[in-house]
Protein backbone atom coordinates (compact mmCIF):
# COMPACT_ATOMS: atom_id res chain seq x y z
CA MET A 1 31.35 49.87 -82.15
CA ALA A 2 33.69 49.88 -79.28
CA THR A 3 31.45 52.29 -77.36
CA GLU A 4 28.32 50.22 -78.03
CA GLN A 5 30.13 47.04 -77.01
CA LYS A 6 31.22 48.63 -73.75
CA GLN A 7 27.66 49.78 -73.06
CA THR A 8 26.34 46.31 -73.76
CA GLU A 9 28.89 44.72 -71.40
CA ALA A 10 28.02 47.28 -68.72
CA GLY A 11 24.31 46.47 -69.10
CA ILE A 12 25.01 42.77 -68.78
CA GLN A 13 27.05 43.38 -65.64
CA ARG A 14 24.26 45.48 -64.11
CA TRP A 15 21.77 42.77 -65.01
CA ARG A 16 23.93 40.09 -63.47
CA MET A 17 24.43 42.17 -60.33
CA THR A 18 20.70 42.78 -60.09
CA LEU A 19 20.04 39.07 -60.58
CA VAL A 20 22.53 38.18 -57.86
CA LEU A 21 21.07 40.76 -55.50
CA VAL A 22 17.56 39.51 -56.19
CA ALA A 23 18.67 35.94 -55.64
CA PHE A 24 20.36 36.83 -52.34
CA ALA A 25 17.34 38.86 -51.27
CA SER A 26 15.04 35.96 -52.13
CA LEU A 27 17.22 33.54 -50.19
CA LEU A 28 17.32 35.95 -47.26
CA LEU A 29 13.55 36.34 -47.33
CA LEU A 30 13.22 32.55 -47.50
CA VAL A 31 15.53 32.06 -44.52
CA LEU A 32 13.76 34.80 -42.58
CA GLY A 33 10.43 33.24 -43.40
CA ARG A 34 11.64 29.83 -42.30
CA LEU A 35 13.03 31.30 -39.10
CA ILE A 36 9.76 33.05 -38.41
CA MET A 37 7.88 29.79 -39.05
CA LEU A 38 10.25 27.81 -36.78
CA HIS A 39 9.86 30.34 -33.98
CA THR A 40 6.12 30.70 -34.28
CA ILE A 41 4.10 28.01 -36.00
CA GLU A 42 6.45 25.04 -35.53
CA GLN A 43 8.05 26.18 -32.29
CA PRO A 44 5.89 24.03 -29.89
CA PHE A 45 6.45 20.88 -31.97
CA LEU A 46 10.22 21.42 -32.19
CA PHE A 47 10.49 22.26 -28.49
CA GLU A 48 8.65 19.04 -27.62
CA GLN A 49 10.89 16.98 -29.86
CA GLY A 50 14.00 18.59 -28.39
CA GLU A 51 12.88 17.85 -24.86
CA LYS A 52 12.19 14.24 -25.78
CA ARG A 53 15.81 13.87 -26.87
CA THR A 54 17.57 15.82 -24.12
CA VAL A 55 15.33 16.33 -21.07
CA ARG A 56 14.97 13.43 -18.69
CA SER A 57 13.08 12.88 -15.44
CA GLU A 58 15.42 11.27 -12.91
CA LEU A 59 14.21 9.28 -9.88
CA GLN A 60 15.54 10.52 -6.54
CA PRO A 61 15.36 7.55 -4.13
CA ALA A 62 14.13 8.20 -0.61
CA SER A 63 16.03 6.97 2.41
CA ARG A 64 14.30 4.18 4.35
CA GLY A 65 13.34 5.11 7.90
CA MET A 66 15.72 4.29 10.74
CA ILE A 67 14.90 1.65 13.36
CA THR A 68 16.19 2.48 16.85
CA ASP A 69 16.09 0.94 20.30
CA ARG A 70 14.31 2.56 23.24
CA HIS A 71 17.33 4.83 23.89
CA GLY A 72 17.67 6.01 20.29
CA GLU A 73 20.57 3.72 19.39
CA PRO A 74 20.42 2.85 15.65
CA MET A 75 19.53 -0.74 14.86
CA ALA A 76 18.83 -0.37 11.12
CA VAL A 77 20.00 2.52 8.92
CA SER A 78 20.14 3.28 5.20
CA THR A 79 23.51 4.31 3.77
CA PRO A 80 24.09 5.96 0.33
CA VAL A 81 25.40 3.70 -2.43
CA VAL A 82 25.65 3.83 -6.23
CA THR A 83 24.27 1.43 -8.82
CA LEU A 84 26.61 1.06 -11.84
CA TRP A 85 25.09 0.11 -15.20
CA VAL A 86 25.95 0.31 -18.89
CA ASN A 87 24.20 0.81 -22.21
CA PRO A 88 25.57 -2.17 -24.18
CA GLN A 89 24.90 -0.29 -27.46
CA GLN A 90 27.24 2.53 -26.44
CA VAL A 91 29.95 0.96 -24.32
CA ASP A 92 33.14 -0.75 -25.50
CA PRO A 93 32.97 -4.16 -23.79
CA GLN A 94 36.75 -4.40 -23.59
CA LYS A 95 36.87 -1.34 -21.33
CA MET A 96 34.84 -3.27 -18.79
CA SER A 97 37.95 -5.25 -17.81
CA GLU A 98 39.34 -2.27 -15.88
CA VAL A 99 35.98 -1.67 -14.21
CA ALA A 100 35.73 -5.33 -13.20
CA LYS A 101 39.19 -5.20 -11.64
CA ASP A 102 38.22 -2.21 -9.47
CA LEU A 103 34.98 -3.88 -8.40
CA GLY A 104 36.63 -7.20 -7.58
CA MET A 105 34.65 -9.00 -10.29
CA ASN A 106 35.68 -11.54 -12.89
CA ALA A 107 36.67 -9.45 -15.93
CA ARG A 108 35.98 -12.18 -18.49
CA ASP A 109 32.48 -12.82 -17.12
CA LEU A 110 31.60 -9.13 -17.12
CA VAL A 111 32.84 -8.58 -20.69
CA ARG A 112 30.91 -11.62 -21.92
CA SER A 113 27.70 -10.50 -20.22
CA VAL A 114 27.95 -7.02 -21.76
CA GLU A 115 28.65 -8.45 -25.22
CA LYS A 116 25.69 -10.80 -24.88
CA ALA A 117 23.41 -7.90 -23.88
CA ALA A 118 24.62 -5.94 -26.92
CA ARG A 119 23.83 -8.83 -29.27
CA GLN A 120 20.33 -9.03 -27.77
CA GLY A 121 19.77 -5.37 -28.57
CA ARG A 122 19.38 -4.34 -24.94
CA SER A 123 20.08 -0.77 -23.82
CA PHE A 124 20.43 -1.50 -20.09
CA HIS A 125 22.64 -3.91 -18.19
CA TYR A 126 23.66 -3.93 -14.52
CA VAL A 127 27.37 -3.89 -13.77
CA LYS A 128 27.07 -3.95 -9.98
CA ARG A 129 24.56 -2.70 -7.47
CA GLN A 130 25.16 -1.09 -4.09
CA VAL A 131 28.72 0.09 -4.76
CA GLU A 132 30.39 2.35 -2.20
CA PRO A 133 30.11 5.99 -3.38
CA GLU A 134 33.85 6.63 -3.21
CA LEU A 135 34.70 3.62 -5.37
CA ALA A 136 31.89 4.37 -7.82
CA GLY A 137 33.09 7.97 -8.10
CA ARG A 138 36.60 6.86 -9.06
CA ILE A 139 35.22 4.54 -11.75
CA LEU A 140 32.86 7.12 -13.22
CA LYS A 141 35.65 9.73 -13.42
CA ARG A 142 37.16 7.68 -16.24
CA ARG A 143 34.34 8.93 -18.48
CA ILE A 144 33.82 5.56 -20.13
CA ALA A 145 31.17 6.03 -22.80
CA GLY A 146 28.00 4.12 -21.95
CA LEU A 147 28.83 3.62 -18.24
CA TYR A 148 26.48 5.32 -15.78
CA GLY A 149 25.79 5.49 -12.04
CA ASP A 150 22.51 6.01 -10.17
CA ASP A 151 22.18 7.01 -6.52
CA ASP A 152 20.60 4.45 -4.23
CA PHE A 153 20.54 3.27 -0.59
CA ARG A 154 21.62 0.08 1.14
CA ARG A 155 20.25 -1.18 4.46
CA TYR A 156 22.83 -1.68 7.18
CA TYR A 157 22.34 -3.35 10.55
CA PRO A 158 24.94 -2.23 13.14
CA ALA A 159 24.15 -5.07 15.57
CA ALA A 160 24.17 -7.66 12.76
CA GLU A 161 23.14 -11.13 13.99
CA VAL A 162 22.21 -9.89 17.48
CA THR A 163 19.03 -8.22 16.22
CA ALA A 164 18.54 -10.13 12.96
CA HIS A 165 15.48 -12.16 14.00
CA THR A 166 13.66 -9.12 15.34
CA LEU A 167 14.45 -6.61 12.61
CA GLY A 168 14.37 -9.01 9.66
CA ILE A 169 15.85 -8.04 6.33
CA VAL A 170 15.12 -6.17 3.09
CA ASN A 171 15.81 -7.31 -0.45
CA ILE A 172 18.23 -5.59 -2.81
CA ASP A 173 15.46 -3.20 -3.88
CA GLY A 174 14.90 -2.09 -0.29
CA LYS A 175 11.60 -3.92 0.26
CA GLY A 176 10.96 -5.64 3.59
CA GLN A 177 11.20 -9.43 3.50
CA GLU A 178 11.27 -10.58 7.12
CA GLY A 179 10.59 -9.35 10.65
CA LEU A 180 9.75 -5.74 11.42
CA GLU A 181 11.17 -4.66 8.06
CA LEU A 182 8.27 -6.57 6.50
CA ALA A 183 5.62 -5.72 9.10
CA PHE A 184 6.27 -1.97 8.83
CA ASP A 185 7.45 -1.87 5.22
CA GLN A 186 5.12 0.91 4.07
CA TYR A 187 5.75 2.95 7.21
CA LEU A 188 9.53 2.76 6.72
CA GLN A 189 9.68 3.16 2.94
CA GLY A 190 9.16 6.89 2.43
CA GLN A 191 8.38 8.48 -0.94
CA ASP A 192 10.83 8.79 -3.83
CA GLY A 193 11.38 12.18 -5.47
CA SER A 194 12.18 13.20 -9.04
CA ARG A 195 13.98 16.00 -10.93
CA LYS A 196 14.22 17.17 -14.53
CA VAL A 197 17.67 17.36 -16.11
CA VAL A 198 19.18 17.93 -19.54
CA LYS A 199 21.45 15.15 -20.78
CA ASP A 200 23.77 14.96 -23.77
CA LEU A 201 23.92 12.13 -26.29
CA MET A 202 26.14 10.08 -23.97
CA GLY A 203 23.74 10.42 -21.04
CA ASN A 204 25.79 12.92 -19.03
CA VAL A 205 23.83 15.49 -17.02
CA ILE A 206 24.43 18.97 -18.43
CA LYS A 207 21.91 21.00 -16.50
CA GLN A 208 19.25 20.57 -13.83
CA LEU A 209 15.98 22.19 -14.88
CA GLY A 210 14.01 21.73 -11.70
CA VAL A 211 12.68 19.43 -8.98
CA ASP A 212 9.32 17.78 -9.54
CA ALA A 213 9.10 16.11 -6.15
CA VAL A 214 11.39 16.25 -3.12
CA PRO A 215 12.23 12.76 -1.73
CA GLN A 216 10.69 12.18 1.69
CA ALA A 217 12.54 9.81 4.01
CA GLY A 218 10.59 7.04 5.73
CA GLU A 219 9.42 7.40 9.30
CA SER A 220 11.70 6.27 12.11
CA LEU A 221 10.60 3.28 14.15
CA PRO A 222 11.54 3.42 17.87
CA LEU A 223 11.37 -0.01 19.50
CA THR A 224 10.97 -1.09 23.11
CA ILE A 225 14.13 -3.21 22.73
CA ASP A 226 17.06 -2.21 24.93
CA LEU A 227 20.12 -2.88 22.78
CA ARG A 228 22.31 -3.41 25.85
CA LEU A 229 20.03 -6.17 27.13
CA GLN A 230 19.70 -7.58 23.62
CA TYR A 231 23.48 -8.01 23.37
CA LEU A 232 23.60 -9.52 26.84
CA ALA A 233 20.82 -12.05 26.23
CA TYR A 234 22.22 -13.01 22.81
CA ARG A 235 25.71 -13.61 24.15
CA GLU A 236 24.58 -15.86 26.99
CA LEU A 237 22.09 -17.78 24.84
CA LYS A 238 24.68 -18.43 22.13
CA ALA A 239 27.14 -19.64 24.75
CA VAL A 240 24.73 -22.18 26.26
CA VAL A 241 23.60 -23.48 22.83
CA GLN A 242 27.23 -24.04 21.86
CA ALA A 243 28.23 -25.51 25.24
CA HIS A 244 25.42 -28.09 25.22
CA LYS A 245 25.47 -28.61 21.43
CA ALA A 246 21.76 -27.78 21.36
CA HIS A 247 19.77 -27.58 18.14
CA ALA A 248 18.41 -24.10 18.90
CA GLY A 249 17.47 -21.68 21.66
CA SER A 250 15.52 -18.53 22.42
CA ALA A 251 15.19 -15.96 25.18
CA VAL A 252 12.59 -13.28 25.86
CA MET A 253 12.89 -10.47 28.42
CA LEU A 254 9.91 -8.28 29.30
CA ASN A 255 9.37 -5.29 31.52
CA ALA A 256 7.31 -6.92 34.28
CA LYS A 257 5.23 -3.80 34.89
CA THR A 258 4.41 -2.82 31.30
CA GLY A 259 4.93 -5.99 29.24
CA GLU A 260 7.32 -4.18 26.89
CA ILE A 261 9.82 -6.42 25.11
CA LEU A 262 13.34 -5.49 26.21
CA ALA A 263 15.20 -8.38 24.54
CA LEU A 264 14.14 -10.96 21.96
CA VAL A 265 16.88 -13.31 20.76
CA GLY A 266 17.27 -16.69 19.11
CA GLN A 267 19.84 -19.22 18.02
CA PRO A 268 21.05 -20.04 15.42
CA SER A 269 21.09 -16.57 13.91
CA TYR A 270 22.42 -14.95 10.73
CA ASN A 271 24.22 -11.80 9.60
CA PRO A 272 21.81 -9.67 7.53
CA ASN A 273 24.74 -7.59 6.25
CA ASN A 274 26.24 -10.60 4.47
CA ARG A 275 23.72 -12.15 2.12
CA ALA A 276 26.21 -14.72 0.85
CA THR A 277 25.89 -16.68 4.11
CA LEU A 278 22.10 -16.54 4.53
CA ARG A 279 20.41 -19.84 5.33
CA PRO A 280 16.58 -19.90 5.36
CA GLU A 281 16.38 -22.22 8.37
CA HIS A 282 18.31 -19.68 10.47
CA MET A 283 16.03 -16.76 9.65
CA ARG A 284 12.99 -17.83 11.69
CA ASN A 285 12.30 -15.89 14.89
CA ARG A 286 11.95 -18.89 17.21
CA ALA A 287 10.83 -16.84 20.21
CA VAL A 288 7.74 -15.72 18.28
CA ALA A 289 7.13 -18.34 15.58
CA ASP A 290 7.97 -21.62 17.35
CA LEU A 291 5.41 -23.47 19.45
CA ILE A 292 6.56 -25.50 22.44
CA GLU A 293 4.99 -27.68 25.09
CA PRO A 294 5.99 -25.65 28.13
CA GLY A 295 6.21 -28.56 30.56
CA SER A 296 6.53 -27.74 34.25
CA THR A 297 6.57 -23.98 33.67
CA MET A 298 2.75 -24.29 33.58
CA LYS A 299 2.47 -25.78 37.08
CA PRO A 300 2.24 -22.37 38.81
CA PHE A 301 -0.90 -21.66 36.78
CA THR A 302 -2.49 -24.95 37.89
CA VAL A 303 -1.70 -24.12 41.50
CA ALA A 304 -3.06 -20.58 40.96
CA ALA A 305 -6.34 -22.08 39.70
CA ALA A 306 -6.56 -24.19 42.85
CA LEU A 307 -5.93 -21.15 45.06
CA GLU A 308 -8.52 -19.12 43.14
CA SER A 309 -11.11 -21.85 43.74
CA GLY A 310 -11.04 -20.96 47.44
CA ARG A 311 -10.57 -24.59 48.47
CA TYR A 312 -6.82 -24.44 48.91
CA SER A 313 -4.18 -22.34 50.60
CA PRO A 314 -0.38 -22.48 50.16
CA SER A 315 -0.13 -24.78 53.19
CA THR A 316 -2.89 -27.22 52.22
CA PRO A 317 -1.42 -30.78 52.31
CA VAL A 318 -1.65 -33.04 49.27
CA ASN A 319 -0.60 -36.70 49.43
CA THR A 320 1.51 -37.53 46.36
CA SER A 321 2.48 -41.06 47.49
CA PRO A 322 3.59 -43.44 46.12
CA GLY A 323 5.07 -41.05 43.52
CA TYR A 324 3.18 -42.38 40.54
CA LYS A 325 -0.41 -42.65 39.35
CA ARG A 326 -1.99 -44.84 36.70
CA ILE A 327 -4.57 -43.07 34.52
CA LYS A 328 -6.12 -45.12 31.72
CA ASN A 329 -3.15 -46.73 29.98
CA LYS A 330 -0.55 -44.18 31.09
CA THR A 331 1.52 -43.85 34.24
CA ILE A 332 2.31 -40.37 35.57
CA ARG A 333 5.44 -40.22 37.71
CA ASP A 334 7.35 -37.87 39.96
CA HIS A 335 11.12 -37.79 40.16
CA ARG A 336 10.68 -39.77 43.41
CA ASP A 337 8.07 -40.35 46.10
CA TYR A 338 7.69 -36.97 47.83
CA GLY A 339 4.93 -38.12 50.17
CA VAL A 340 2.71 -35.37 51.58
CA LEU A 341 3.41 -31.92 50.09
CA ASP A 342 1.64 -28.63 50.57
CA LEU A 343 0.97 -26.46 47.51
CA THR A 344 4.25 -24.65 48.02
CA GLY A 345 6.08 -27.98 48.14
CA ILE A 346 4.36 -29.10 44.93
CA ILE A 347 5.94 -26.11 43.15
CA THR A 348 9.29 -26.48 44.93
CA LYS A 349 9.65 -30.16 44.06
CA SER A 350 7.86 -29.82 40.69
CA SER A 351 5.47 -32.68 41.48
CA ASN A 352 3.50 -34.00 38.50
CA ILE A 353 1.29 -36.05 40.84
CA GLY A 354 0.55 -33.01 42.99
CA VAL A 355 -0.67 -30.75 40.17
CA SER A 356 -2.60 -33.63 38.59
CA LEU A 357 -4.52 -34.15 41.83
CA LEU A 358 -5.23 -30.41 42.06
CA ALA A 359 -6.46 -30.30 38.46
CA HIS A 360 -8.75 -33.27 38.94
CA ASP A 361 -10.18 -31.72 42.09
CA VAL A 362 -10.95 -28.22 40.74
CA GLY A 363 -12.14 -29.52 37.36
CA PRO A 364 -11.36 -28.79 33.69
CA GLU A 365 -13.50 -25.63 33.48
CA VAL A 366 -11.53 -23.88 36.22
CA ILE A 367 -8.18 -24.90 34.69
CA TRP A 368 -9.26 -23.90 31.18
CA GLU A 369 -10.58 -20.52 32.31
CA LEU A 370 -7.39 -19.48 34.11
CA TYR A 371 -5.09 -20.82 31.38
CA THR A 372 -7.09 -18.95 28.75
CA LYS A 373 -6.98 -15.68 30.72
CA ALA A 374 -3.20 -16.13 30.94
CA GLY A 375 -3.08 -16.21 27.13
CA ILE A 376 -2.59 -19.95 26.63
CA GLY A 377 -4.03 -20.98 23.27
CA GLN A 378 -4.83 -17.40 22.30
CA PRO A 379 -3.68 -15.53 19.18
CA GLY A 380 -0.54 -13.47 19.56
CA THR A 381 -0.85 -9.74 20.14
CA LEU A 382 2.48 -8.65 18.68
CA GLY A 383 1.51 -8.49 15.01
CA PHE A 384 4.86 -10.00 14.02
CA PRO A 385 5.12 -11.84 10.67
CA GLY A 386 4.82 -15.58 11.28
CA GLU A 387 3.66 -15.12 14.88
CA ALA A 388 2.37 -18.43 16.19
CA THR A 389 -0.98 -19.08 17.81
CA GLY A 390 -0.86 -21.58 20.64
CA SER A 391 -3.36 -24.33 21.35
CA MET A 392 -5.36 -25.22 24.46
CA PRO A 393 -7.95 -28.04 24.59
CA TYR A 394 -11.53 -27.04 25.42
CA PRO A 395 -12.97 -28.25 28.75
CA GLU A 396 -15.03 -30.96 27.05
CA GLN A 397 -11.82 -32.34 25.53
CA LEU A 398 -10.10 -32.59 28.90
CA ASP A 399 -10.74 -36.14 30.05
CA GLU A 400 -9.01 -37.47 33.15
CA LEU A 401 -5.72 -38.23 31.38
CA ARG A 402 -5.56 -35.12 29.26
CA LEU A 403 -6.45 -32.88 32.21
CA ALA A 404 -3.59 -34.40 34.16
CA THR A 405 -1.05 -33.84 31.35
CA VAL A 406 -2.26 -30.29 30.72
CA SER A 407 -1.78 -29.50 34.42
CA TYR A 408 1.98 -30.01 34.03
CA GLY A 409 2.39 -28.52 30.56
CA TYR A 410 1.80 -31.33 28.06
CA GLY A 411 -0.96 -31.45 25.45
CA LEU A 412 -0.96 -27.69 24.88
CA SER A 413 1.35 -25.34 22.99
CA ILE A 414 2.66 -21.84 23.44
CA SER A 415 5.46 -19.66 22.07
CA PRO A 416 8.32 -18.47 24.32
CA LEU A 417 7.02 -14.91 23.97
CA GLN A 418 3.53 -15.96 25.06
CA LEU A 419 5.00 -17.84 28.03
CA ALA A 420 6.85 -14.69 29.13
CA GLU A 421 3.68 -12.67 28.68
CA ALA A 422 1.74 -15.19 30.79
CA TYR A 423 4.29 -14.85 33.63
CA THR A 424 3.54 -11.13 33.92
CA SER A 425 0.26 -12.31 35.52
CA PHE A 426 2.19 -13.03 38.71
CA VAL A 427 3.21 -9.40 39.19
CA ASP A 428 -0.18 -8.17 40.36
CA GLY A 429 -2.55 -10.75 38.94
CA CYS A 430 -3.01 -8.83 35.68
CA ARG A 431 -1.47 -10.14 32.45
CA LYS A 432 0.25 -7.45 30.38
CA HIS A 433 -0.52 -7.60 26.68
CA VAL A 434 2.45 -7.27 24.33
CA SER A 435 0.68 -5.31 21.61
CA LEU A 436 3.69 -3.92 19.75
CA LEU A 437 7.44 -3.73 19.82
CA MET A 438 7.13 0.01 19.25
CA VAL A 439 7.45 2.50 22.09
CA GLN A 440 4.00 3.69 23.10
CA THR A 441 2.64 6.29 25.47
CA GLY A 442 -0.12 5.77 27.96
CA THR A 443 -1.19 2.74 29.97
CA GLN A 444 -0.79 -0.64 28.31
CA PRO A 445 -3.80 -2.98 28.35
CA CYS A 446 -3.89 -5.92 30.74
CA GLU A 447 -6.34 -8.65 31.69
CA ARG A 448 -7.16 -9.77 35.21
CA VAL A 449 -6.06 -13.40 35.51
CA MET A 450 -6.08 -13.90 39.27
CA SER A 451 -6.38 -11.88 42.44
CA GLU A 452 -3.39 -9.93 43.73
CA ARG A 453 -3.35 -12.16 46.80
CA THR A 454 -3.04 -15.30 44.69
CA ALA A 455 -0.34 -13.66 42.52
CA HIS A 456 1.72 -12.78 45.60
CA GLN A 457 1.31 -16.31 46.97
CA ILE A 458 2.55 -17.77 43.69
CA LEU A 459 5.58 -15.45 43.74
CA ASP A 460 6.46 -16.72 47.22
CA MET A 461 6.18 -20.29 45.94
CA LEU A 462 8.33 -19.54 42.90
CA GLU A 463 11.02 -18.17 45.20
CA THR A 464 11.36 -21.59 46.85
CA VAL A 465 12.18 -23.12 43.43
CA VAL A 466 15.36 -21.03 43.37
CA GLY A 467 16.16 -21.88 46.99
CA LYS A 468 18.56 -24.57 48.14
CA ASN A 469 15.86 -27.27 48.10
CA GLY A 470 14.32 -26.27 44.75
CA THR A 471 14.82 -27.58 41.23
CA GLY A 472 16.05 -24.19 39.96
CA LYS A 473 18.71 -23.24 42.50
CA ARG A 474 21.16 -22.44 39.69
CA ALA A 475 18.89 -19.53 38.73
CA ALA A 476 19.74 -17.62 41.91
CA VAL A 477 21.03 -14.06 41.51
CA GLU A 478 23.33 -12.57 44.11
CA GLY A 479 21.66 -9.82 46.10
CA TYR A 480 18.19 -10.25 44.61
CA ARG A 481 15.09 -12.26 45.44
CA VAL A 482 14.35 -14.38 42.39
CA GLY A 483 11.41 -16.60 41.60
CA GLY A 484 10.84 -18.93 38.69
CA LYS A 485 10.03 -22.38 37.43
CA THR A 486 12.10 -24.97 35.67
CA GLY A 487 10.69 -27.10 32.88
CA THR A 488 11.86 -30.15 30.96
CA ALA A 489 9.65 -31.45 28.17
CA HIS A 490 10.12 -34.46 25.90
CA LYS A 491 10.27 -33.49 22.24
CA VAL A 492 7.68 -34.89 19.86
CA GLY A 493 8.99 -37.17 17.09
CA ARG A 494 7.40 -39.14 14.29
CA SER A 495 6.26 -41.91 16.59
CA GLY A 496 5.38 -39.80 19.63
CA TYR A 497 7.46 -38.41 22.48
CA GLU A 498 11.17 -39.08 22.17
CA ASP A 499 12.81 -40.63 25.23
CA SER A 500 16.19 -38.99 24.63
CA GLU A 501 15.26 -35.59 23.17
CA TYR A 502 14.24 -32.74 25.49
CA THR A 503 13.51 -29.03 25.60
CA ALA A 504 14.81 -27.25 28.70
CA PHE A 505 13.04 -24.17 30.09
CA PHE A 506 13.28 -21.64 32.83
CA ALA A 507 10.75 -18.84 33.34
CA GLY A 508 11.08 -16.37 36.16
CA LEU A 509 10.90 -12.88 37.61
CA ALA A 510 13.12 -10.58 39.67
CA PRO A 511 13.34 -8.89 42.08
CA LEU A 512 10.33 -10.40 43.84
CA SER A 513 9.85 -7.50 46.27
CA ASP A 514 8.97 -5.29 43.28
CA PRO A 515 9.24 -7.30 40.01
CA ASP A 516 11.08 -5.44 37.28
CA LEU A 517 11.90 -8.12 34.70
CA VAL A 518 10.36 -11.32 33.37
CA LEU A 519 12.75 -13.65 31.55
CA VAL A 520 12.10 -16.91 29.70
CA VAL A 521 14.97 -19.08 28.45
CA VAL A 522 14.38 -22.04 26.11
CA VAL A 523 17.12 -24.45 25.01
CA ASP A 524 16.00 -26.92 22.35
CA ALA A 525 17.47 -30.44 22.36
CA PRO A 526 20.58 -30.02 24.55
CA GLN A 527 22.99 -32.91 24.09
CA GLY A 528 24.97 -34.72 26.74
CA GLN A 529 24.21 -35.73 30.32
CA GLU A 530 22.69 -32.38 31.34
CA TYR A 531 19.29 -31.70 29.82
CA TYR A 532 16.98 -30.66 32.68
CA GLY A 533 15.75 -27.08 32.79
CA GLY A 534 17.45 -26.57 36.15
CA GLU A 535 20.77 -27.70 34.71
CA VAL A 536 20.72 -26.05 31.29
CA ALA A 537 18.32 -23.08 31.24
CA ALA A 538 18.46 -21.93 34.88
CA PRO A 539 22.18 -20.90 34.84
CA VAL A 540 21.57 -18.85 31.69
CA PHE A 541 18.64 -17.15 33.41
CA SER A 542 20.89 -16.30 36.35
CA ARG A 543 23.65 -14.78 34.23
CA ILE A 544 21.29 -12.73 32.06
CA MET A 545 19.12 -11.55 34.95
CA GLU A 546 22.04 -10.57 37.17
CA GLN A 547 23.65 -8.35 34.56
CA ALA A 548 20.30 -6.96 33.36
CA LEU A 549 19.24 -5.87 36.84
CA ARG A 550 22.55 -4.11 37.36
CA LEU A 551 22.38 -2.41 33.95
CA ARG A 552 18.90 -1.16 34.83
CA GLN A 553 20.23 -0.04 38.24
CA VAL A 554 17.61 -2.03 40.15
CA ILE A 555 18.27 -1.83 43.88
CA PRO A 556 19.09 -5.25 45.42
CA ASP A 557 16.32 -6.49 47.68
CA GLN A 558 18.21 -9.29 49.44
CA PRO A 559 21.67 -8.05 50.44
CA GLY A 560 23.75 -10.49 52.40
CA GLU A 561 21.82 -13.56 51.24
CA ALA A 562 23.84 -14.28 48.12
CA GLN A 563 26.05 -16.88 49.77
CA MET A 564 23.01 -18.85 50.90
CA LEU A 565 21.69 -18.97 47.35
CA GLN A 566 24.90 -19.97 45.65
CA VAL A 567 24.62 -23.71 46.12
CA ALA A 568 26.73 -25.94 43.93
CA GLY A 569 25.32 -28.96 42.19
CA GLY A 570 22.61 -29.81 39.71
CA GLY A 571 18.87 -29.59 39.76
CA ARG A 572 16.05 -30.68 37.55
């Protein structure tokens, strides 16, 4: 019995062992089968699901193209920054207090905004954009769950308000909003890149798998602007606007031989690097977008039309007595009775009667043709956002009164830039077209406005304006022959021309022996006793032109005559 019992127990043990071995073998075969299935049949599906949960495609922002002046000096650059954001479903809102303190933000407001985003079920919430990389790095090193940082770029303008009207501004997403930033937005933008990375559950990058597209920076934009002259013109314009408590002002400097814009400034301006102080009314480029009645600065063109008719010479006498003329229901007046003046004297004394008589004699068609060739009333050629188109009446609209007013700059409109462009006609009789602010190669287009002989005669006349007997003697520049024309125009109000509101102008060239620069200065609504162009705008012209010629190393063409030109006192 004992032996049989032992044999039975041994059989049961062998059976149990076999059963266990079979069970383990079955489980092993099952696991192996499952593994084989996972690595073969289901492998593509599982790989796809894994990638969906861990592999991400990250945007690599491209740097916006640089804007430089003609010498390569940076005027607009893109600097690296970091955008901080949180996943409200992952982050502890109370930990945002420390982050807010580092960022200079209100801790309570930030915590409340994150909590609100969490209640709304959102998975993305900005903390702060355009944070300096060093500061963002210190914050991210704390490893706060749910807090992330993305690389980005911020636009920076080294010259700030000095170039603001020309360059414009971009929004927080780096898209052009004003000025050249808007006009050449696509050219400057570049193309963003992307890369594939593996992230953990908390969004931290574990591994970079590859680059899908390399970011391509935007193209650089070299301008014709000379930053040295831009600073100079801005400083002097700001000083005169403040000194005379004027509403606004603008100045345009062109290369007289090519028409390239060397300086383009306006007042009031703004700092594009500080968006908290932006005011929409200060963002308009007045030199390009504002239309003005140019007043007496148009008289040289009326005289040029008379010379081109072949019926006049610079010494032809014109009787302007008694200093006024009644046309229809209006009376045109001179500053005083100048008596008999030749054409040169009409420019020197800025005689309204003189140019009116010339215009009536040569006729509206002749005046209209020359004005139009000079660009008056024509669309702008710059391609600048908001660029104004001037107005010029057609010949059939120029009755006796309107022809007279047009001859001395009323009843038509032009921008300061267009006025400067028109004055390039006096260099060799060919108006230079300002096609772009960008540096270009080759010959710039121009349009024949008058003969070279007439242009040289006008330059000689304009020089007398800056002489001791002219209305613009304060525009004289020591050591250089300067020519130009003053202008003082009544501003238009709700009920017509205002008796006590003026716009002061001076437009001129230097040096006259071989013109290098054309400069137009406009001061809008100067306050106080001085408001004539010769009193307000001419001194600014002198200061800007003197320093500009020396910066450009232009050889003086009138040494020893400076003392004769420096005459104290006011002019119109």
